[in-house]
Amino acid sequence: MPAGESLDRYWVQDGPSTAGHTSDPKHVPRAASNPFPEVPRSRDAIQLTDDPFDGRTDAERRWLDKHGYPNTLQWNAYNLASDGLLEQTAQSGDRTAQTLLDARRLPDKEALDRLMLSAVDGNMFALQMVASHYASTGKAGNSNAYAISRVLEMRGDPSAAVSRELMFNPPLELDERMHGEAEALQLNATLNDIYQQKYESHFQPDLRPFPIEPGK
């Protein structure tokens, strides 16, 4: 499970990994040019009814933007892009492109670490992509997929509970759910510990304004 296998070196006593980073400004890489200048990075100018992640109100769409979910133009363009173009887009400062690139590289451990650490900073889309990856691996990944989806719910997205069962065919067995629930609690606590160390404050979930009735 990611809490034990991928985040073990990020416990509070060790501090978050700084591999590949430096405080020396002479070594900070220049931002790459954006290969998709026509693709907006927010939902501000996109029709309300056109959203791949079901943003049905202005408040929900702002929440999706804040938490890393691609808008429809990003989703369509980036899913068709090569790894090279996606990497260049990520280097230009687009965290959604970085999330999708890392998701392609799963189960690579470094990609998984980046996704999970970005979730500390509120990237809920990263959690959704990790959950989807584990669900796609079949029965061996069921408990992990369930756990990540539960963490997504714990950290502020109640819609995860609505869509979770659709990931599993056949449905999860009781022991898979119980194991996944235990892993979810451990992983969420790990992410909270990292957040506490990084920001010196307790994590507070930013709840998705999930409407009970669509359009309300």
C-alpha atoms as a PDB file:
ATOM      1  CA  MET A   1       0.000   0.000   0.000  1.00  0.00           C
ATOM      2  CA  PRO A   2       1.332   3.505  -0.735  1.00  0.00           C
ATOM      3  CA  ALA A   3       1.405   4.487   2.946  1.00  0.00           C
ATOM      4  CA  GLY A   4       3.917   1.753   3.671  1.00  0.00           C
ATOM      5  CA  GLU A   5       5.678   1.335   0.361  1.00  0.00           C
ATOM      6  CA  SER A   6       5.896   4.811  -1.107  1.00  0.00           C
ATOM      7  CA  LEU A   7       5.609   7.289   1.740  1.00  0.00           C
ATOM      8  CA  ASP A   8       7.863   5.515   4.238  1.00  0.00           C
ATOM      9  CA  ARG A   9      10.682   7.986   3.682  1.00  0.00           C
ATOM     10  CA  TYR A  10       8.386  10.983   4.171  1.00  0.00           C
ATOM     11  CA  TRP A  11       7.611  10.484   7.835  1.00  0.00           C
ATOM     12  CA  VAL A  12       7.840  13.600   9.972  1.00  0.00           C
ATOM     13  CA  GLN A  13      11.218  12.750  11.481  1.00  0.00           C
ATOM     14  CA  ASP A  14      12.840  12.571   8.052  1.00  0.00           C
ATOM     15  CA  GLY A  15      11.000  15.393   6.329  1.00  0.00           C
ATOM     16  CA  PRO A  16       9.654  15.438   2.789  1.00  0.00           C
ATOM     17  CA  SER A  17      12.043  14.334   0.081  1.00  0.00           C
ATOM     18  CA  THR A  18      14.008  17.069  -1.647  1.00  0.00           C
ATOM     19  CA  ALA A  19      15.593  14.837  -4.260  1.00  0.00           C
ATOM     20  CA  GLY A  20      16.003  16.622  -7.542  1.00  0.00           C
ATOM     21  CA  HIS A  21      15.553  20.085  -5.980  1.00  0.00           C
ATOM     22  CA  THR A  22      18.025  22.710  -4.890  1.00  0.00           C
ATOM     23  CA  SER A  23      17.874  26.068  -3.160  1.00  0.00           C
ATOM     24  CA  ASP A  24      20.657  27.437  -5.359  1.00  0.00           C
ATOM     25  CA  PRO A  25      18.966  29.833  -7.825  1.00  0.00           C
ATOM     26  CA  LYS A  26      21.719  29.203 -10.374  1.00  0.00           C
ATOM     27  CA  HIS A  27      20.421  25.639 -10.713  1.00  0.00           C
ATOM     28  CA  VAL A  28      16.686  26.371 -10.934  1.00  0.00           C
ATOM     29  CA  PRO A  29      15.575  25.223 -14.405  1.00  0.00           C
ATOM     30  CA  ARG A  30      13.904  27.754 -16.673  1.00  0.00           C
ATOM     31  CA  ALA A  31      10.217  27.171 -17.302  1.00  0.00           C
ATOM     32  CA  ALA A  32       9.527  25.441 -20.596  1.00  0.00           C
ATOM     33  CA  SER A  33       7.289  27.068 -23.179  1.00  0.00           C
ATOM     34  CA  ASN A  34       3.693  25.887 -23.127  1.00  0.00           C
ATOM     35  CA  PRO A  35       2.981  23.663 -26.168  1.00  0.00           C
ATOM     36  CA  PHE A  36      -0.783  24.165 -25.619  1.00  0.00           C
ATOM     37  CA  PRO A  37      -1.181  27.963 -25.321  1.00  0.00           C
ATOM     38  CA  GLU A  38      -4.782  27.726 -26.530  1.00  0.00           C
ATOM     39  CA  VAL A  39      -5.814  25.400 -23.694  1.00  0.00           C
ATOM     40  CA  PRO A  40      -7.075  27.309 -20.618  1.00  0.00           C
ATOM     41  CA  ARG A  41      -6.009  26.155 -17.171  1.00  0.00           C
ATOM     42  CA  SER A  42      -9.293  27.021 -15.489  1.00  0.00           C
ATOM     43  CA  ARG A  43     -13.003  26.627 -16.112  1.00  0.00           C
ATOM     44  CA  ASP A  44     -13.713  30.359 -16.161  1.00  0.00           C
ATOM     45  CA  ALA A  45     -14.358  30.592 -19.902  1.00  0.00           C
ATOM     46  CA  ILE A  46     -15.873  27.134 -20.412  1.00  0.00           C
ATOM     47  CA  GLN A  47     -19.577  26.365 -20.515  1.00  0.00           C
ATOM     48  CA  LEU A  48     -21.079  25.213 -17.241  1.00  0.00           C
ATOM     49  CA  THR A  49     -22.566  22.054 -18.747  1.00  0.00           C
ATOM     50  CA  ASP A  50     -19.291  20.917 -20.322  1.00  0.00           C
ATOM     51  CA  ASP A  51     -17.188  19.338 -17.594  1.00  0.00           C
ATOM     52  CA  PRO A  52     -15.512  15.900 -17.518  1.00  0.00           C
ATOM     53  CA  PHE A  53     -15.672  15.846 -13.712  1.00  0.00           C
ATOM     54  CA  ASP A  54     -19.272  16.890 -13.259  1.00  0.00           C
ATOM     55  CA  GLY A  55     -18.856  20.476 -12.112  1.00  0.00           C
ATOM     56  CA  ARG A  56     -22.466  21.597 -12.043  1.00  0.00           C
ATOM     57  CA  THR A  57     -22.263  24.895 -10.205  1.00  0.00           C
ATOM     58  CA  ASP A  58     -19.820  27.798 -10.239  1.00  0.00           C
ATOM     59  CA  ALA A  59     -18.702  26.912  -6.716  1.00  0.00           C
ATOM     60  CA  GLU A  60     -18.071  23.284  -7.635  1.00  0.00           C
ATOM     61  CA  ARG A  61     -16.157  24.273 -10.751  1.00  0.00           C
ATOM     62  CA  ARG A  62     -13.929  26.575  -8.696  1.00  0.00           C
ATOM     63  CA  TRP A  63     -13.315  23.673  -6.313  1.00  0.00           C
ATOM     64  CA  LEU A  64     -12.333  21.399  -9.207  1.00  0.00           C
ATOM     65  CA  ASP A  65      -9.893  23.997 -10.549  1.00  0.00           C
ATOM     66  CA  LYS A  66      -8.388  24.510  -7.096  1.00  0.00           C
ATOM     67  CA  HIS A  67      -7.862  20.794  -6.567  1.00  0.00           C
ATOM     68  CA  GLY A  68      -6.178  19.926  -9.841  1.00  0.00           C
ATOM     69  CA  TYR A  69      -8.989  18.496 -11.955  1.00  0.00           C
ATOM     70  CA  PRO A  70      -8.549  19.134 -15.693  1.00  0.00           C
ATOM     71  CA  ASN A  71     -11.193  21.072 -17.538  1.00  0.00           C
ATOM     72  CA  THR A  72     -12.645  19.572 -20.695  1.00  0.00           C
ATOM     73  CA  LEU A  73     -10.076  21.183 -23.018  1.00  0.00           C
ATOM     74  CA  GLN A  74      -7.162  20.019 -20.876  1.00  0.00           C
ATOM     75  CA  TRP A  75      -8.662  16.544 -20.564  1.00  0.00           C
ATOM     76  CA  ASN A  76      -9.109  16.136 -24.315  1.00  0.00           C
ATOM     77  CA  ALA A  77      -5.767  17.651 -25.353  1.00  0.00           C
ATOM     78  CA  TYR A  78      -3.548  16.084 -22.707  1.00  0.00           C
ATOM     79  CA  ASN A  79      -4.928  12.576 -23.020  1.00  0.00           C
ATOM     80  CA  LEU A  80      -4.001  12.635 -26.716  1.00  0.00           C
ATOM     81  CA  ALA A  81      -0.578  14.211 -26.149  1.00  0.00           C
ATOM     82  CA  SER A  82       2.679  12.279 -26.253  1.00  0.00           C
ATOM     83  CA  ASP A  83       4.673  11.869 -23.056  1.00  0.00           C
ATOM     84  CA  GLY A  84       7.166  14.416 -24.387  1.00  0.00           C
ATOM     85  CA  LEU A  85       4.543  17.090 -24.986  1.00  0.00           C
ATOM     86  CA  LEU A  86       2.910  16.366 -21.665  1.00  0.00           C
ATOM     87  CA  GLU A  87       6.258  16.687 -19.885  1.00  0.00           C
ATOM     88  CA  GLN A  88       6.910  20.021 -21.606  1.00  0.00           C
ATOM     89  CA  THR A  89       3.455  21.215 -20.541  1.00  0.00           C
ATOM     90  CA  ALA A  90       4.179  20.154 -16.973  1.00  0.00           C
ATOM     91  CA  GLN A  91       7.512  22.002 -17.045  1.00  0.00           C
ATOM     92  CA  SER A  92       5.666  25.147 -18.138  1.00  0.00           C
ATOM     93  CA  GLY A  93       3.867  25.090 -14.793  1.00  0.00           C
ATOM     94  CA  ASP A  94       0.745  23.056 -15.471  1.00  0.00           C
ATOM     95  CA  ARG A  95       0.273  20.731 -12.499  1.00  0.00           C
ATOM     96  CA  THR A  96      -2.603  18.932 -14.199  1.00  0.00           C
ATOM     97  CA  ALA A  97      -0.252  17.875 -16.981  1.00  0.00           C
ATOM     98  CA  GLN A  98       2.237  16.661 -14.366  1.00  0.00           C
ATOM     99  CA  THR A  99      -0.477  14.630 -12.654  1.00  0.00           C
ATOM    100  CA  LEU A 100      -1.523  12.973 -15.906  1.00  0.00           C
ATOM    101  CA  LEU A 101       2.101  12.287 -16.827  1.00  0.00           C
ATOM    102  CA  ASP A 102       2.802  10.679 -13.459  1.00  0.00           C
ATOM    103  CA  ALA A 103      -0.405   8.657 -13.729  1.00  0.00           C
ATOM    104  CA  ARG A 104       0.838   7.243 -17.036  1.00  0.00           C
ATOM    105  CA  ARG A 105       4.043   6.152 -15.329  1.00  0.00           C
ATOM    106  CA  LEU A 106       2.365   4.181 -12.544  1.00  0.00           C
ATOM    107  CA  PRO A 107       3.285   1.901 -10.847  1.00  0.00           C
ATOM    108  CA  ASP A 108       6.662   3.670 -10.947  1.00  0.00           C
ATOM    109  CA  LYS A 109       7.508   4.461  -7.311  1.00  0.00           C
ATOM    110  CA  GLU A 110       8.788   7.995  -7.904  1.00  0.00           C
ATOM    111  CA  ALA A 111       5.685   8.875  -9.913  1.00  0.00           C
ATOM    112  CA  LEU A 112       3.511   7.474  -7.135  1.00  0.00           C
ATOM    113  CA  ASP A 113       5.405   9.506  -4.537  1.00  0.00           C
ATOM    114  CA  ARG A 114       4.920  12.705  -6.532  1.00  0.00           C
ATOM    115  CA  LEU A 115       1.206  12.053  -6.893  1.00  0.00           C
ATOM    116  CA  MET A 116       0.719  11.323  -3.216  1.00  0.00           C
ATOM    117  CA  LEU A 117       2.818  14.285  -2.073  1.00  0.00           C
ATOM    118  CA  SER A 118       0.898  16.595  -4.408  1.00  0.00           C
ATOM    119  CA  ALA A 119      -2.243  15.399  -2.621  1.00  0.00           C
ATOM    120  CA  VAL A 120      -0.791  16.918   0.559  1.00  0.00           C
ATOM    121  CA  ASP A 121      -1.039  20.279  -1.209  1.00  0.00           C
ATOM    122  CA  GLY A 122      -4.645  19.675  -2.218  1.00  0.00           C
ATOM    123  CA  ASN A 123      -4.290  17.850  -5.537  1.00  0.00           C
ATOM    124  CA  MET A 124      -7.387  15.668  -5.192  1.00  0.00           C
ATOM    125  CA  PHE A 125      -7.238  14.713  -8.866  1.00  0.00           C
ATOM    126  CA  ALA A 126      -3.955  12.942  -8.122  1.00  0.00           C
ATOM    127  CA  LEU A 127      -5.731  10.712  -5.604  1.00  0.00           C
ATOM    128  CA  GLN A 128      -8.427   9.907  -8.128  1.00  0.00           C
ATOM    129  CA  MET A 129      -5.834   8.889 -10.714  1.00  0.00           C
ATOM    130  CA  VAL A 130      -4.007   6.648  -8.214  1.00  0.00           C
ATOM    131  CA  ALA A 131      -7.280   4.985  -7.204  1.00  0.00           C
ATOM    132  CA  SER A 132      -8.170   4.396 -10.847  1.00  0.00           C
ATOM    133  CA  HIS A 133      -4.756   2.879 -11.496  1.00  0.00           C
ATOM    134  CA  TYR A 134      -5.089   0.354  -8.688  1.00  0.00           C
ATOM    135  CA  ALA A 135      -8.644  -0.495  -9.703  1.00  0.00           C
ATOM    136  CA  SER A 136      -7.396  -1.244 -13.225  1.00  0.00           C
ATOM    137  CA  THR A 137      -4.960  -3.872 -11.934  1.00  0.00           C
ATOM    138  CA  GLY A 138      -7.734  -6.276 -10.974  1.00  0.00           C
ATOM    139  CA  LYS A 139      -8.303  -8.080  -7.717  1.00  0.00           C
ATOM    140  CA  ALA A 140      -4.745  -7.549  -6.503  1.00  0.00           C
ATOM    141  CA  GLY A 141      -5.320  -3.793  -6.452  1.00  0.00           C
ATOM    142  CA  ASN A 142      -8.839  -3.753  -5.015  1.00  0.00           C
ATOM    143  CA  SER A 143      -7.941  -2.891  -1.432  1.00  0.00           C
ATOM    144  CA  ASN A 144      -5.515  -0.188  -2.534  1.00  0.00           C
ATOM    145  CA  ALA A 145      -8.067   1.364  -4.892  1.00  0.00           C
ATOM    146  CA  TYR A 146     -10.672   1.346  -2.136  1.00  0.00           C
ATOM    147  CA  ALA A 147      -8.229   2.898   0.336  1.00  0.00           C
ATOM    148  CA  ILE A 148      -7.194   5.749  -1.971  1.00  0.00           C
ATOM    149  CA  SER A 149     -10.822   6.465  -2.832  1.00  0.00           C
ATOM    150  CA  ARG A 150     -11.664   6.623   0.876  1.00  0.00           C
ATOM    151  CA  VAL A 151      -8.778   9.041   1.447  1.00  0.00           C
ATOM    152  CA  LEU A 152     -10.166  11.193  -1.369  1.00  0.00           C
ATOM    153  CA  GLU A 153     -13.475  11.215   0.469  1.00  0.00           C
ATOM    154  CA  MET A 154     -11.842  11.943   3.845  1.00  0.00           C
ATOM    155  CA  ARG A 155      -9.944  14.889   2.409  1.00  0.00           C
ATOM    156  CA  GLY A 156     -13.025  16.620   1.076  1.00  0.00           C
ATOM    157  CA  ASP A 157     -14.737  14.962  -1.898  1.00  0.00           C
ATOM    158  CA  PRO A 158     -18.033  13.302  -0.908  1.00  0.00           C
ATOM    159  CA  SER A 159     -18.700  12.364  -4.523  1.00  0.00           C
ATOM    160  CA  ALA A 160     -15.991   9.691  -4.179  1.00  0.00           C
ATOM    161  CA  ALA A 161     -18.468   7.628  -2.162  1.00  0.00           C
ATOM    162  CA  VAL A 162     -20.971   7.833  -5.008  1.00  0.00           C
ATOM    163  CA  SER A 163     -18.574   6.701  -7.740  1.00  0.00           C
ATOM    164  CA  ARG A 164     -16.410   4.272  -5.768  1.00  0.00           C
ATOM    165  CA  GLU A 165     -18.452   1.124  -6.388  1.00  0.00           C
ATOM    166  CA  LEU A 166     -18.335   1.695 -10.138  1.00  0.00           C
ATOM    167  CA  MET A 167     -14.586   0.964 -10.055  1.00  0.00           C
ATOM    168  CA  PHE A 168     -15.044  -2.648  -9.011  1.00  0.00           C
ATOM    169  CA  ASN A 169     -16.370  -5.515 -11.097  1.00  0.00           C
ATOM    170  CA  PRO A 170     -17.135  -7.843  -9.386  1.00  0.00           C
ATOM    171  CA  PRO A 171     -17.913  -5.917  -6.173  1.00  0.00           C
ATOM    172  CA  LEU A 172     -15.372  -5.968  -3.359  1.00  0.00           C
ATOM    173  CA  GLU A 173     -15.516  -8.715  -0.783  1.00  0.00           C
ATOM    174  CA  LEU A 174     -15.840  -7.868   2.897  1.00  0.00           C
ATOM    175  CA  ASP A 175     -12.207  -8.610   3.737  1.00  0.00           C
ATOM    176  CA  GLU A 176     -11.036  -6.346   0.894  1.00  0.00           C
ATOM    177  CA  ARG A 177     -13.153  -3.498   2.245  1.00  0.00           C
ATOM    178  CA  MET A 178     -11.926  -3.994   5.795  1.00  0.00           C
ATOM    179  CA  HIS A 179      -8.292  -4.075   4.693  1.00  0.00           C
ATOM    180  CA  GLY A 180      -8.837  -1.034   2.483  1.00  0.00           C
ATOM    181  CA  GLU A 181     -10.475   0.889   5.316  1.00  0.00           C
ATOM    182  CA  ALA A 182      -7.519   0.216   7.615  1.00  0.00           C
ATOM    183  CA  GLU A 183      -5.080   1.294   4.903  1.00  0.00           C
ATOM    184  CA  ALA A 184      -7.105   4.454   4.260  1.00  0.00           C
ATOM    185  CA  LEU A 185      -6.876   5.513   7.895  1.00  0.00           C
ATOM    186  CA  GLN A 186      -3.119   4.909   7.921  1.00  0.00           C
ATOM    187  CA  LEU A 187      -2.511   6.743   4.663  1.00  0.00           C
ATOM    188  CA  ASN A 188      -4.690   9.723   5.573  1.00  0.00           C
ATOM    189  CA  ALA A 189      -2.823  10.034   8.874  1.00  0.00           C
ATOM    190  CA  THR A 190       0.487   9.958   6.978  1.00  0.00           C
ATOM    191  CA  LEU A 191      -0.637  12.749   4.649  1.00  0.00           C
ATOM    192  CA  ASN A 192      -1.826  14.771   7.640  1.00  0.00           C
ATOM    193  CA  ASP A 193       1.559  14.322   9.323  1.00  0.00           C
ATOM    194  CA  ILE A 194       3.354  15.582   6.226  1.00  0.00           C
ATOM    195  CA  TYR A 195       0.974  18.550   5.982  1.00  0.00           C
ATOM    196  CA  GLN A 196       1.532  19.369   9.669  1.00  0.00           C
ATOM    197  CA  GLN A 197       5.278  19.388   9.222  1.00  0.00           C
ATOM    198  CA  LYS A 198       5.206  21.396   6.011  1.00  0.00           C
ATOM    199  CA  TYR A 199       2.732  24.093   7.060  1.00  0.00           C
ATOM    200  CA  GLU A 200       2.927  23.917  10.864  1.00  0.00           C
ATOM    201  CA  SER A 201      -0.838  23.676  11.113  1.00  0.00           C
ATOM    202  CA  HIS A 202      -3.445  20.946  11.126  1.00  0.00           C
ATOM    203  CA  PHE A 203      -4.977  19.885   7.844  1.00  0.00           C
ATOM    204  CA  GLN A 204      -8.574  20.994   7.376  1.00  0.00           C
ATOM    205  CA  PRO A 205     -10.556  19.327   4.571  1.00  0.00           C
ATOM    206  CA  ASP A 206     -11.817  21.666   1.872  1.00  0.00           C
ATOM    207  CA  LEU A 207     -15.224  20.115   1.219  1.00  0.00           C
ATOM    208  CA  ARG A 208     -16.411  19.906  -2.346  1.00  0.00           C
ATOM    209  CA  PRO A 209     -19.679  21.847  -2.702  1.00  0.00           C
ATOM    210  CA  PHE A 210     -21.415  18.755  -3.977  1.00  0.00           C
ATOM    211  CA  PRO A 211     -25.070  19.617  -4.739  1.00  0.00           C
ATOM    212  CA  ILE A 212     -27.756  17.198  -3.650  1.00  0.00           C
ATOM    213  CA  GLU A 213     -29.851  18.164  -6.648  1.00  0.00           C
ATOM    214  CA  PRO A 214     -27.980  18.820  -9.925  1.00  0.00           C
ATOM    215  CA  GLY A 215     -28.029  22.480 -10.904  1.00  0.00           C
ATOM    216  CA  LYS A 216     -29.009  23.749  -7.447  1.00  0.00           C
END
